[in-house]
Amino acid sequence: MSKIIAVMVFIILAAGALSGCASASSETETTAAEPEMIEEEETVELTYPITLKTGYSTSEDDPRGAALRYMKEIVEKETGGNIIIDIHPSAELGDDDRLIAGLISADVDMTVSSAGNYAIYATRIGVSALPFLFDSFEEAWNFIDSDTMQDLCSELEPYNMHVLAFFDNGFRCVTTSDRPVESVSDIVGLNIRTPDNQIVMETMSQLGANPRTYPFSKLKTALKDGWFDAQENSVPVIYNNGLYDYQKYLSVTNHSYDAMPLTIRADIWNALAPEYQTILESAAKEAQAMNRKTVAEQSEECISLLEKKGMTVTYPNLEEFAEATQGVIHVFSDVYGKELLSKL
């Protein structure tokens, strides 16, 4: 059966929605291009055993790595080795944008990445990153597991992406090299690295910083060389990837919750035997539960570990930060629509 997949390989959400982000620069390796339509004439035919080439951008010590290894163990055991998960950490198969695009080009079979990184294909999948939307992991998980969010997953299907589960990356916090962030005024003027996530970039812009995107796999070197004054990531990512080596201050801003869809190529998913679909989905949910537990625990435990590594930790008044970023939701209101925003 003929299947049309629209491939959007340029980095843009929606022209009207990004007027507030115009000043944010990008240093990603992605090259802008016109939208391209790819027609697939044949469905995938699988001959078992199959190997699912799986990549992610952070180190193997990251909680998503542990969860993927746990999922691999379950799947390979329960399928009798008919499905093998071949895991590549640390951007071995490319940074997040290339990994996600690889699901379309068939260079990658599975990946897990922040929801905002999928937004160039399905803009609304990144809605959970809006600033100060959730006060706790439990609130965030309730929304991610809701019918509303599950319905949004279908918007990735036309791009050959099927969501198996949602891993957790935690709440994003700011780190700096030369001064602590204790109030909004301390962020003003900072050259801060962000992912290619328009919500996070707009949040930093409204706080007065100068956000620039840059591949995560090269971030540590960039911090060492002084290309950025600051960066923002979850506490587990900061610790497990050694960002404390070149960042002196951690400010627990918790400004954005970072959900991570675990996605598999939809053409492979649709071609799998039903019993293998059940095994994969069940294993993904078990890995999701493990990942969430680990991230929630590490979000607390790693703070003291970061202090032992020499970081100074501050806890700014988040009400001031939330007030300063109230305009972010209005920038994206046309993209998300009133119906979706009313469910937040």
Protein backbone atom coordinates (compact mmCIF):
# COMPACT_ATOMS: atom_id res chain seq x y z
CA MET A 1 0.00 0.00 0.00
CA SER A 2 1.35 3.40 -0.92
CA LYS A 3 2.27 5.51 2.07
CA ILE A 4 3.11 9.20 1.99
CA ILE A 5 5.47 10.60 4.62
CA ALA A 6 6.06 14.33 4.80
CA VAL A 7 9.66 14.91 5.77
CA MET A 8 10.32 18.29 7.37
CA VAL A 9 14.06 18.64 7.56
CA PHE A 10 14.19 22.34 8.24
CA ILE A 11 14.23 23.59 11.81
CA ILE A 12 11.03 25.57 12.23
CA LEU A 13 7.89 25.18 14.28
CA ALA A 14 5.55 27.61 12.62
CA ALA A 15 6.48 30.96 11.18
CA GLY A 16 3.84 32.90 13.04
CA ALA A 17 4.55 31.25 16.37
CA LEU A 18 8.27 31.94 16.42
CA SER A 19 8.32 35.71 16.13
CA GLY A 20 9.34 35.87 19.79
CA CYS A 21 12.33 33.57 19.12
CA ALA A 22 13.81 35.47 16.22
CA SER A 23 16.84 36.65 18.20
CA ALA A 24 17.88 33.16 19.30
CA SER A 25 20.76 31.85 17.22
CA SER A 26 21.50 28.25 16.28
CA GLU A 27 24.75 26.36 15.98
CA THR A 28 23.36 22.91 15.30
CA GLU A 29 24.67 20.78 12.46
CA THR A 30 21.29 20.72 10.76
CA THR A 31 21.06 22.23 7.29
CA ALA A 32 17.87 24.04 6.33
CA ALA A 33 15.98 22.68 3.34
CA GLU A 34 12.59 22.75 1.73
CA PRO A 35 9.98 20.21 2.83
CA GLU A 36 10.29 16.98 0.92
CA MET A 37 7.71 14.32 0.23
CA ILE A 38 8.88 10.71 0.23
CA GLU A 39 6.66 8.01 -1.17
CA GLU A 40 7.14 4.50 0.15
CA GLU A 41 5.68 1.96 -2.24
CA GLU A 42 6.20 -1.16 -0.13
CA THR A 43 5.64 -2.09 3.46
CA VAL A 44 8.49 -3.58 5.46
CA GLU A 45 8.79 -7.36 5.43
CA LEU A 46 10.57 -8.76 8.46
CA THR A 47 12.61 -11.94 8.65
CA TYR A 48 13.41 -12.96 12.19
CA PRO A 49 15.66 -12.51 14.03
CA ILE A 50 15.72 -8.73 13.57
CA THR A 51 18.00 -6.14 15.14
CA LEU A 52 16.66 -2.77 16.24
CA LYS A 53 19.45 -0.19 15.97
CA THR A 54 18.80 2.14 18.91
CA GLY A 55 20.58 5.41 19.62
CA TYR A 56 20.49 8.23 22.13
CA SER A 57 22.63 11.30 22.75
CA THR A 58 23.75 11.08 26.37
CA SER A 59 26.24 8.81 28.14
CA GLU A 60 25.57 5.17 28.99
CA ASP A 61 25.36 6.20 32.67
CA ASP A 62 22.29 8.31 31.95
CA PRO A 63 18.99 6.87 33.30
CA ARG A 64 17.67 6.46 29.76
CA GLY A 65 20.63 4.19 29.03
CA ALA A 66 19.90 1.99 32.04
CA ALA A 67 16.24 1.80 31.06
CA LEU A 68 17.06 0.81 27.49
CA ARG A 69 19.39 -1.95 28.72
CA TYR A 70 16.60 -3.21 30.97
CA MET A 71 14.18 -3.18 28.04
CA LYS A 72 16.72 -4.99 25.86
CA GLU A 73 17.04 -7.77 28.45
CA ILE A 74 13.27 -8.28 28.63
CA VAL A 75 12.65 -8.16 24.88
CA GLU A 76 15.48 -10.48 23.90
CA LYS A 77 14.48 -13.01 26.55
CA GLU A 78 10.75 -12.99 25.83
CA THR A 79 11.15 -13.15 22.05
CA GLY A 80 13.70 -15.93 22.28
CA GLY A 81 16.26 -13.74 20.57
CA ASN A 82 14.00 -12.94 17.62
CA ILE A 83 14.22 -9.24 18.44
CA ILE A 84 17.65 -7.88 19.36
CA ILE A 85 18.07 -4.32 20.60
CA ASP A 86 21.46 -2.89 19.61
CA ILE A 87 22.09 0.16 21.82
CA HIS A 88 24.37 3.06 20.84
CA PRO A 89 24.85 5.77 23.53
CA SER A 90 26.72 9.09 23.44
CA ALA A 91 25.50 10.16 19.98
CA GLU A 92 27.34 7.29 18.27
CA LEU A 93 24.60 7.33 15.64
CA GLY A 94 24.24 11.13 15.65
CA ASP A 95 22.85 13.87 17.83
CA ASP A 96 19.16 14.10 18.71
CA ASP A 97 18.03 15.76 15.49
CA ARG A 98 19.81 13.16 13.35
CA LEU A 99 18.55 10.28 15.48
CA ILE A 100 14.96 11.41 15.09
CA ALA A 101 15.35 12.05 11.36
CA GLY A 102 16.92 8.59 11.16
CA LEU A 103 13.53 7.04 11.91
CA ILE A 104 12.36 8.45 8.59
CA SER A 105 15.47 7.56 6.60
CA ALA A 106 15.67 4.10 8.25
CA ASP A 107 19.19 4.79 9.52
CA VAL A 108 17.88 4.35 13.08
CA ASP A 109 15.17 1.99 14.30
CA MET A 110 14.53 3.34 17.82
CA THR A 111 15.51 6.43 19.76
CA VAL A 112 14.56 8.32 22.90
CA SER A 113 14.81 12.09 23.01
CA SER A 114 13.18 15.13 24.57
CA ALA A 115 9.65 15.77 23.32
CA GLY A 116 10.64 19.23 22.11
CA ASN A 117 13.14 17.68 19.73
CA TYR A 118 10.26 15.99 17.89
CA ALA A 119 8.38 19.26 17.55
CA ILE A 120 9.65 20.05 14.06
CA TYR A 121 7.54 17.11 12.93
CA ALA A 122 4.57 17.29 15.31
CA THR A 123 4.63 20.65 17.06
CA ARG A 124 2.13 19.85 19.81
CA ILE A 125 4.07 16.84 21.17
CA GLY A 126 6.34 19.31 22.99
CA VAL A 127 3.59 21.06 24.96
CA SER A 128 4.69 19.57 28.30
CA ALA A 129 7.87 21.68 28.16
CA LEU A 130 5.98 24.94 28.77
CA PRO A 131 7.61 26.74 31.72
CA PHE A 132 6.52 25.96 35.27
CA LEU A 133 3.63 23.81 34.06
CA PHE A 134 4.07 21.15 36.78
CA ASP A 135 5.06 21.32 40.45
CA SER A 136 6.00 17.67 40.84
CA PHE A 137 6.88 14.51 38.97
CA GLU A 138 3.48 13.06 39.86
CA GLU A 139 1.68 15.98 38.21
CA ALA A 140 3.84 15.66 35.12
CA TRP A 141 3.35 11.90 34.84
CA ASN A 142 -0.42 12.25 35.22
CA PHE A 143 -0.48 14.56 32.22
CA ILE A 144 1.96 12.48 30.13
CA ASP A 145 -0.14 9.36 30.79
CA SER A 146 -3.42 11.12 30.06
CA ASP A 147 -5.55 10.51 26.99
CA THR A 148 -4.71 14.04 25.86
CA MET A 149 -1.01 13.32 25.56
CA GLN A 150 -1.53 9.85 24.16
CA ASP A 151 -3.70 11.35 21.41
CA LEU A 152 -0.87 13.73 20.51
CA CYS A 153 1.42 10.75 19.91
CA SER A 154 -0.61 9.90 16.81
CA GLU A 155 0.62 13.12 15.22
CA LEU A 156 4.08 11.53 14.87
CA GLU A 157 2.79 8.49 12.96
CA PRO A 158 2.82 10.20 9.52
CA TYR A 159 6.56 10.74 10.03
CA ASN A 160 7.23 7.03 10.60
CA MET A 161 7.44 7.43 14.38
CA HIS A 162 5.47 5.25 16.78
CA VAL A 163 5.61 6.12 20.49
CA LEU A 164 6.14 3.09 22.74
CA ALA A 165 6.50 4.91 26.07
CA PHE A 166 7.60 8.16 27.69
CA PHE A 167 10.90 8.16 29.50
CA ASP A 168 11.70 10.97 31.89
CA ASN A 169 14.55 13.48 31.74
CA GLY A 170 13.53 15.39 34.85
CA PHE A 171 13.07 19.11 35.43
CA ARG A 172 15.56 21.36 33.68
CA CYS A 173 17.82 23.59 35.78
CA VAL A 174 20.37 26.29 34.98
CA THR A 175 24.12 25.95 35.54
CA THR A 176 26.66 28.75 35.16
CA SER A 177 30.40 29.16 35.14
CA ASP A 178 31.01 32.54 36.76
CA ARG A 179 28.03 33.58 38.89
CA PRO A 180 25.11 31.95 40.70
CA VAL A 181 21.58 32.50 39.47
CA GLU A 182 19.57 33.59 42.50
CA SER A 183 17.11 35.90 40.75
CA VAL A 184 15.92 36.67 37.24
CA SER A 185 18.37 39.58 37.03
CA ASP A 186 21.26 37.09 37.31
CA ILE A 187 20.20 35.38 34.07
CA VAL A 188 20.05 38.57 32.03
CA GLY A 189 22.71 38.60 29.32
CA LEU A 190 23.93 35.03 29.84
CA ASN A 191 25.01 33.18 26.71
CA ILE A 192 23.23 29.92 27.46
CA ARG A 193 23.24 26.66 25.54
CA THR A 194 19.82 25.09 25.04
CA PRO A 195 18.58 22.15 23.00
CA ASP A 196 16.85 22.92 19.71
CA ASN A 197 13.60 23.26 21.65
CA GLN A 198 11.70 26.42 20.81
CA ILE A 199 9.84 26.48 24.13
CA VAL A 200 13.05 26.29 26.16
CA MET A 201 14.68 28.91 23.94
CA GLU A 202 11.73 31.26 24.31
CA THR A 203 11.72 30.70 28.08
CA MET A 204 15.38 31.67 28.30
CA SER A 205 14.80 34.69 26.04
CA GLN A 206 11.97 35.96 28.24
CA LEU A 207 14.25 35.61 31.26
CA GLY A 208 16.72 37.89 29.48
CA ALA A 209 19.33 35.32 28.46
CA ASN A 210 20.78 34.78 24.99
CA PRO A 211 19.96 31.15 24.08
CA ARG A 212 21.91 29.30 21.41
CA THR A 213 21.40 25.71 20.37
CA TYR A 214 24.35 23.33 20.19
CA PRO A 215 24.69 19.53 19.94
CA PHE A 216 24.71 17.89 23.36
CA SER A 217 27.56 15.54 22.43
CA LYS A 218 29.82 18.58 21.95
CA LEU A 219 28.53 20.60 24.89
CA LYS A 220 31.21 19.66 27.41
CA THR A 221 33.98 20.77 25.06
CA ALA A 222 32.12 24.00 24.31
CA LEU A 223 31.83 24.74 28.04
CA LYS A 224 35.53 24.01 28.50
CA ASP A 225 36.41 26.41 25.71
CA GLY A 226 34.16 29.14 27.12
CA TRP A 227 31.71 29.27 24.24
CA PHE A 228 28.83 29.50 26.71
CA ASP A 229 28.40 31.15 30.11
CA ALA A 230 25.68 28.70 31.05
CA GLN A 231 23.60 25.72 30.02
CA GLU A 232 20.40 24.11 31.25
CA ASN A 233 19.61 20.43 31.77
CA SER A 234 18.11 18.18 34.39
CA VAL A 235 20.15 17.39 37.51
CA PRO A 236 20.72 13.73 36.50
CA VAL A 237 22.02 14.78 33.08
CA ILE A 238 24.32 17.38 34.64
CA TYR A 239 25.81 14.82 37.00
CA ASN A 240 25.92 11.72 34.80
CA ASN A 241 27.56 13.58 31.92
CA GLY A 242 30.14 15.42 34.01
CA LEU A 243 29.01 18.95 33.19
CA TYR A 244 30.19 19.97 36.66
CA ASP A 245 33.76 19.92 35.33
CA TYR A 246 33.21 23.30 33.67
CA GLN A 247 30.19 24.71 35.51
CA LYS A 248 30.56 26.05 39.04
CA TYR A 249 26.99 26.94 39.97
CA LEU A 250 23.74 24.97 39.87
CA SER A 251 20.49 26.87 40.25
CA VAL A 252 17.51 24.62 40.89
CA THR A 253 15.10 26.49 38.63
CA ASN A 254 13.00 23.48 37.51
CA HIS A 255 11.81 25.74 34.72
CA SER A 256 10.71 23.04 32.25
CA TYR A 257 9.64 19.41 32.56
CA ASP A 258 11.40 17.21 30.02
CA ALA A 259 9.34 14.25 28.79
CA MET A 260 11.09 11.90 26.35
CA PRO A 261 9.13 9.83 23.84
CA LEU A 262 10.68 6.42 23.17
CA THR A 263 9.95 5.94 19.48
CA ILE A 264 10.29 3.09 17.02
CA ARG A 265 10.01 3.23 13.25
CA ALA A 266 6.30 2.94 12.51
CA ASP A 267 6.89 0.79 9.44
CA ILE A 268 8.74 -1.76 11.57
CA TRP A 269 6.10 -1.57 14.29
CA ASN A 270 3.29 -2.21 11.82
CA ALA A 271 5.15 -5.19 10.34
CA LEU A 272 5.83 -6.90 13.68
CA ALA A 273 3.90 -9.99 14.62
CA PRO A 274 1.16 -9.04 17.15
CA GLU A 275 2.77 -11.07 19.93
CA TYR A 276 6.03 -9.18 19.43
CA GLN A 277 4.21 -5.85 19.49
CA THR A 278 2.77 -6.85 22.87
CA ILE A 279 6.20 -7.83 24.20
CA LEU A 280 7.85 -4.61 22.99
CA GLU A 281 5.12 -2.37 24.35
CA SER A 282 5.06 -4.14 27.72
CA ALA A 283 8.85 -4.02 28.01
CA ALA A 284 8.84 -0.32 27.10
CA LYS A 285 6.33 0.40 29.86
CA GLU A 286 8.44 -1.54 32.37
CA ALA A 287 11.50 0.43 31.27
CA GLN A 288 9.46 3.63 31.57
CA ALA A 289 8.60 2.83 35.19
CA MET A 290 12.24 2.07 35.98
CA ASN A 291 13.42 5.24 34.26
CA ARG A 292 10.93 7.47 36.06
CA LYS A 293 11.85 6.04 39.45
CA THR A 294 15.56 6.50 38.76
CA VAL A 295 15.21 10.07 37.48
CA ALA A 296 13.04 11.13 40.43
CA GLU A 297 15.56 9.64 42.86
CA GLN A 298 18.59 11.08 41.10
CA SER A 299 17.01 14.52 40.89
CA GLU A 300 17.39 14.63 44.68
CA GLU A 301 20.47 12.48 45.24
CA CYS A 302 22.65 14.05 42.55
CA ILE A 303 22.38 17.51 44.08
CA SER A 304 24.53 16.49 47.05
CA LEU A 305 26.85 14.61 44.69
CA LEU A 306 27.26 17.76 42.60
CA GLU A 307 28.10 19.71 45.74
CA LYS A 308 30.80 17.13 46.49
CA LYS A 309 32.14 17.75 42.99
CA GLY A 310 32.53 21.42 43.90
CA MET A 311 29.33 22.97 42.59
CA THR A 312 27.55 25.66 44.59
CA VAL A 313 23.80 25.01 44.66
CA THR A 314 21.20 27.76 44.96
CA TYR A 315 17.41 27.65 45.21
CA PRO A 316 15.97 30.83 43.67
CA ASN A 317 12.44 32.09 44.23
CA LEU A 318 10.60 30.31 41.44
CA GLU A 319 7.56 32.59 41.64
CA GLU A 320 9.68 35.38 40.19
CA PHE A 321 10.83 33.12 37.34
CA ALA A 322 7.31 31.88 36.63
CA GLU A 323 6.01 35.44 36.47
CA ALA A 324 8.80 36.48 34.10
CA THR A 325 7.94 33.67 31.68
CA GLN A 326 4.15 34.02 31.62
CA GLY A 327 4.33 35.26 28.04
CA VAL A 328 5.76 32.00 26.66
CA ILE A 329 2.40 30.28 26.46
CA HIS A 330 0.99 33.21 24.47
CA VAL A 331 3.78 32.94 21.90
CA PHE A 332 2.73 29.36 21.19
CA SER A 333 -1.02 29.70 21.64
CA ASP A 334 -1.75 29.54 17.91
CA VAL A 335 0.43 26.44 17.53
CA TYR A 336 -1.18 24.49 20.35
CA GLY A 337 -4.71 25.81 20.06
CA LYS A 338 -7.22 26.72 22.74
CA GLU A 339 -8.58 23.19 23.13
CA LEU A 340 -5.20 21.68 24.03
CA LEU A 341 -4.16 24.57 26.27
CA SER A 342 -7.44 24.30 28.18
CA LYS A 343 -6.45 20.74 29.21
CA LEU A 344 -3.17 21.76 30.82
